[in-house]
């Protein structure tokens, strides 16, 4: 799950891995403006890129926002420790 709290969108990571990318059939619940919905297609939710001897993990939206979803805690822990 991804809880969008803004309108900033990012392209998939160039030269990296983008497993968390919205497809053409974006599923949403709640309100999404009619001008924003087409722009969500193909946008990044989370991704990873190797830099030097480490990795940079991109989390576009805050997965810990208000403790809303337990899956956000797991996603953050995986990004931090693995």
N, C-alpha and C. Protein backbone atom coordinates (compact mmCIF):
# COMPACT_ATOMS: atom_id res chain seq x y z
N UNK A 1 0.83 -1.18 0.00
CA UNK A 1 0.00 0.00 0.00
C UNK A 1 0.87 1.25 0.00
N UNK A 2 0.37 2.29 -0.57
CA UNK A 2 1.06 3.58 -0.56
C UNK A 2 0.02 4.66 -0.28
N UNK A 3 0.27 5.45 0.73
CA UNK A 3 -0.64 6.53 1.07
C UNK A 3 -0.05 7.83 0.54
N UNK A 4 -0.61 8.33 -0.53
CA UNK A 4 -0.13 9.57 -1.14
C UNK A 4 -0.64 10.75 -0.33
N UNK A 5 0.29 11.60 0.10
CA UNK A 5 -0.09 12.79 0.85
C UNK A 5 0.31 14.06 0.11
N UNK A 6 0.75 13.93 -1.13
CA UNK A 6 1.15 15.08 -1.93
C UNK A 6 0.99 14.75 -3.40
N UNK A 7 1.43 15.67 -4.25
CA UNK A 7 1.28 15.47 -5.69
C UNK A 7 2.61 15.24 -6.40
N UNK A 8 3.71 15.10 -5.64
CA UNK A 8 5.01 14.87 -6.25
C UNK A 8 5.10 13.43 -6.76
N UNK A 9 5.48 13.28 -8.03
CA UNK A 9 5.62 11.96 -8.64
C UNK A 9 7.03 11.80 -9.17
N UNK A 10 7.54 10.58 -9.18
CA UNK A 10 8.90 10.30 -9.65
C UNK A 10 8.88 9.20 -10.69
N UNK A 11 9.81 9.30 -11.63
CA UNK A 11 9.99 8.26 -12.64
C UNK A 11 10.71 7.08 -12.00
N UNK A 12 10.60 5.87 -12.57
CA UNK A 12 11.37 4.74 -12.07
C UNK A 12 12.87 5.05 -12.06
N UNK A 13 13.60 4.40 -11.17
CA UNK A 13 15.02 4.65 -10.97
C UNK A 13 15.82 4.22 -12.19
N UNK A 14 16.56 5.17 -12.79
CA UNK A 14 17.41 4.85 -13.95
C UNK A 14 18.64 4.09 -13.46
N UNK A 15 18.92 2.96 -14.09
CA UNK A 15 20.08 2.15 -13.70
C UNK A 15 19.89 1.42 -12.39
N UNK A 16 18.68 1.35 -11.91
CA UNK A 16 18.40 0.67 -10.65
C UNK A 16 17.26 -0.33 -10.83
N UNK A 17 16.66 -0.69 -9.73
CA UNK A 17 15.58 -1.66 -9.72
C UNK A 17 14.35 -0.96 -9.16
N UNK A 18 13.25 -1.04 -9.86
CA UNK A 18 12.01 -0.36 -9.44
C UNK A 18 10.88 -1.37 -9.28
N UNK A 19 10.92 -2.19 -8.22
CA UNK A 19 9.85 -3.18 -8.05
C UNK A 19 8.53 -2.54 -7.64
N UNK A 20 8.59 -1.37 -7.02
CA UNK A 20 7.38 -0.68 -6.57
C UNK A 20 7.02 0.44 -7.52
N UNK A 21 6.41 0.07 -8.62
CA UNK A 21 6.03 1.06 -9.63
C UNK A 21 4.58 0.81 -9.98
N UNK A 22 3.82 1.89 -10.12
CA UNK A 22 2.40 1.75 -10.44
C UNK A 22 2.24 1.39 -11.91
N UNK A 23 1.38 0.42 -12.16
CA UNK A 23 1.14 -0.01 -13.54
C UNK A 23 0.07 0.83 -14.22
N UNK A 24 -0.37 0.36 -15.36
CA UNK A 24 -1.39 1.08 -16.13
C UNK A 24 -2.77 1.00 -15.50
N UNK A 25 -3.00 -0.03 -14.69
CA UNK A 25 -4.30 -0.20 -14.06
C UNK A 25 -4.20 0.15 -12.57
N UNK A 26 -3.97 1.43 -12.29
CA UNK A 26 -3.79 1.91 -10.93
C UNK A 26 -5.06 1.65 -10.12
N UNK A 27 -4.90 0.93 -8.99
CA UNK A 27 -6.02 0.67 -8.10
C UNK A 27 -5.92 1.67 -6.94
N UNK A 28 -6.99 2.33 -6.65
CA UNK A 28 -6.97 3.29 -5.55
C UNK A 28 -8.29 3.24 -4.80
N UNK A 29 -8.21 3.67 -3.55
CA UNK A 29 -9.41 3.87 -2.75
C UNK A 29 -9.35 5.29 -2.21
N UNK A 30 -10.46 5.90 -2.02
CA UNK A 30 -10.47 7.28 -1.57
C UNK A 30 -10.58 8.22 -2.75
N UNK A 31 -10.06 9.41 -2.60
CA UNK A 31 -10.18 10.43 -3.63
C UNK A 31 -8.87 10.64 -4.35
N UNK A 32 -8.92 10.65 -5.67
CA UNK A 32 -7.78 11.02 -6.52
C UNK A 32 -8.35 11.97 -7.57
N UNK A 33 -7.74 13.13 -7.70
CA UNK A 33 -8.21 14.11 -8.67
C UNK A 33 -8.10 13.60 -10.10
N UNK A 34 -9.02 14.00 -10.96
CA UNK A 34 -9.05 13.49 -12.33
C UNK A 34 -7.82 13.92 -13.14
N UNK A 35 -7.14 14.99 -12.76
CA UNK A 35 -5.93 15.40 -13.47
C UNK A 35 -4.70 14.63 -12.98
N UNK A 36 -4.73 14.17 -11.75
CA UNK A 36 -3.59 13.45 -11.19
C UNK A 36 -3.60 11.97 -11.56
N UNK A 37 -4.76 11.37 -11.66
CA UNK A 37 -4.86 9.93 -11.90
C UNK A 37 -4.07 9.45 -13.13
N UNK A 38 -4.16 10.09 -14.29
CA UNK A 38 -3.37 9.62 -15.44
C UNK A 38 -1.86 9.74 -15.20
N UNK A 39 -1.45 10.70 -14.39
CA UNK A 39 -0.02 10.89 -14.13
C UNK A 39 0.55 9.82 -13.20
N UNK A 40 -0.31 9.17 -12.42
CA UNK A 40 0.16 8.13 -11.50
C UNK A 40 0.68 6.90 -12.24
N UNK A 41 0.18 6.66 -13.43
CA UNK A 41 0.57 5.46 -14.19
C UNK A 41 2.07 5.47 -14.47
N UNK A 42 2.75 4.42 -14.04
CA UNK A 42 4.18 4.28 -14.27
C UNK A 42 5.05 5.03 -13.28
N UNK A 43 4.44 5.68 -12.28
CA UNK A 43 5.25 6.43 -11.32
C UNK A 43 5.82 5.50 -10.25
N UNK A 44 6.90 5.93 -9.64
CA UNK A 44 7.63 5.14 -8.65
C UNK A 44 6.97 5.21 -7.28
N UNK A 45 6.89 4.07 -6.61
CA UNK A 45 6.45 4.01 -5.22
C UNK A 45 7.67 3.73 -4.35
N UNK A 46 8.48 2.74 -4.74
CA UNK A 46 9.77 2.50 -4.09
C UNK A 46 10.71 1.83 -5.08
N UNK A 47 12.00 2.05 -4.88
CA UNK A 47 13.00 1.50 -5.79
C UNK A 47 14.35 1.41 -5.09
N UNK A 48 15.33 0.85 -5.80
CA UNK A 48 16.66 0.63 -5.23
C UNK A 48 17.71 0.84 -6.29
N UNK A 49 18.86 1.38 -5.89
CA UNK A 49 19.97 1.60 -6.81
C UNK A 49 21.28 1.38 -6.07
N UNK A 50 22.21 0.66 -6.70
CA UNK A 50 23.53 0.45 -6.11
C UNK A 50 24.37 1.70 -6.30
N UNK A 51 25.02 2.13 -5.22
CA UNK A 51 25.91 3.29 -5.25
C UNK A 51 27.15 2.91 -4.44
N UNK A 52 28.29 2.85 -5.12
CA UNK A 52 29.51 2.44 -4.43
C UNK A 52 29.36 1.03 -3.90
N UNK A 53 29.66 0.84 -2.61
CA UNK A 53 29.53 -0.49 -2.00
C UNK A 53 28.19 -0.68 -1.30
N UNK A 54 27.32 0.29 -1.41
CA UNK A 54 26.03 0.20 -0.75
C UNK A 54 24.87 0.32 -1.71
N UNK A 55 23.72 0.50 -1.14
CA UNK A 55 22.50 0.65 -1.93
C UNK A 55 21.70 1.82 -1.38
N UNK A 56 21.03 2.52 -2.27
CA UNK A 56 20.11 3.60 -1.89
C UNK A 56 18.71 3.08 -2.14
N UNK A 57 17.87 3.15 -1.13
CA UNK A 57 16.47 2.72 -1.27
C UNK A 57 15.61 3.97 -1.32
N UNK A 58 14.82 4.08 -2.38
CA UNK A 58 13.93 5.22 -2.58
C UNK A 58 12.53 4.85 -2.08
N UNK A 59 12.04 5.58 -1.12
CA UNK A 59 10.66 5.44 -0.64
C UNK A 59 9.98 6.77 -0.91
N UNK A 60 9.17 6.82 -1.94
CA UNK A 60 8.56 8.08 -2.37
C UNK A 60 7.61 8.63 -1.32
N UNK A 61 6.79 7.80 -0.76
CA UNK A 61 5.85 8.23 0.27
C UNK A 61 6.33 7.69 1.62
N UNK A 62 5.97 8.36 2.68
CA UNK A 62 6.39 7.96 4.02
C UNK A 62 5.61 6.70 4.44
N UNK A 63 6.28 5.53 4.50
CA UNK A 63 5.56 4.31 4.87
C UNK A 63 5.18 4.26 6.35
N UNK A 64 5.72 5.17 7.15
CA UNK A 64 5.42 5.21 8.58
C UNK A 64 4.41 6.28 8.95
N UNK A 65 3.81 6.92 7.96
CA UNK A 65 2.88 8.03 8.19
C UNK A 65 1.77 7.63 9.15
N UNK A 66 1.79 8.21 10.34
CA UNK A 66 0.78 7.99 11.38
C UNK A 66 0.59 6.52 11.76
N UNK A 67 1.55 5.66 11.45
CA UNK A 67 1.41 4.24 11.77
C UNK A 67 0.20 3.62 11.10
N UNK A 68 -0.13 4.14 9.93
CA UNK A 68 -1.38 3.80 9.25
C UNK A 68 -1.47 2.33 8.85
N UNK A 69 -0.37 1.77 8.31
CA UNK A 69 -0.36 0.37 7.90
C UNK A 69 0.82 -0.35 8.52
N UNK A 70 0.60 -1.54 9.00
CA UNK A 70 1.69 -2.35 9.55
C UNK A 70 2.69 -2.73 8.46
N UNK A 71 2.24 -2.88 7.21
CA UNK A 71 3.15 -3.22 6.12
C UNK A 71 4.20 -2.13 5.92
N UNK A 72 3.87 -0.89 6.24
CA UNK A 72 4.82 0.20 6.13
C UNK A 72 6.00 0.02 7.06
N UNK A 73 5.74 -0.49 8.26
CA UNK A 73 6.82 -0.78 9.21
C UNK A 73 7.76 -1.84 8.65
N UNK A 74 7.21 -2.88 8.08
CA UNK A 74 8.02 -3.96 7.51
C UNK A 74 8.83 -3.46 6.31
N UNK A 75 8.21 -2.68 5.46
CA UNK A 75 8.91 -2.12 4.30
C UNK A 75 10.08 -1.25 4.74
N UNK A 76 9.87 -0.41 5.74
CA UNK A 76 10.93 0.46 6.24
C UNK A 76 12.06 -0.36 6.87
N UNK A 77 11.71 -1.37 7.67
CA UNK A 77 12.73 -2.22 8.30
C UNK A 77 13.55 -2.95 7.24
N UNK A 78 12.91 -3.46 6.22
CA UNK A 78 13.64 -4.14 5.14
C UNK A 78 14.57 -3.17 4.42
N UNK A 79 14.12 -1.96 4.18
CA UNK A 79 14.95 -0.96 3.50
C UNK A 79 16.16 -0.59 4.36
N UNK A 80 15.97 -0.52 5.65
CA UNK A 80 17.02 -0.09 6.56
C UNK A 80 18.05 -1.19 6.84
N UNK A 81 17.59 -2.41 7.09
CA UNK A 81 18.49 -3.47 7.55
C UNK A 81 18.94 -4.45 6.48
N UNK A 82 18.25 -4.51 5.35
CA UNK A 82 18.64 -5.48 4.34
C UNK A 82 19.01 -4.75 3.09
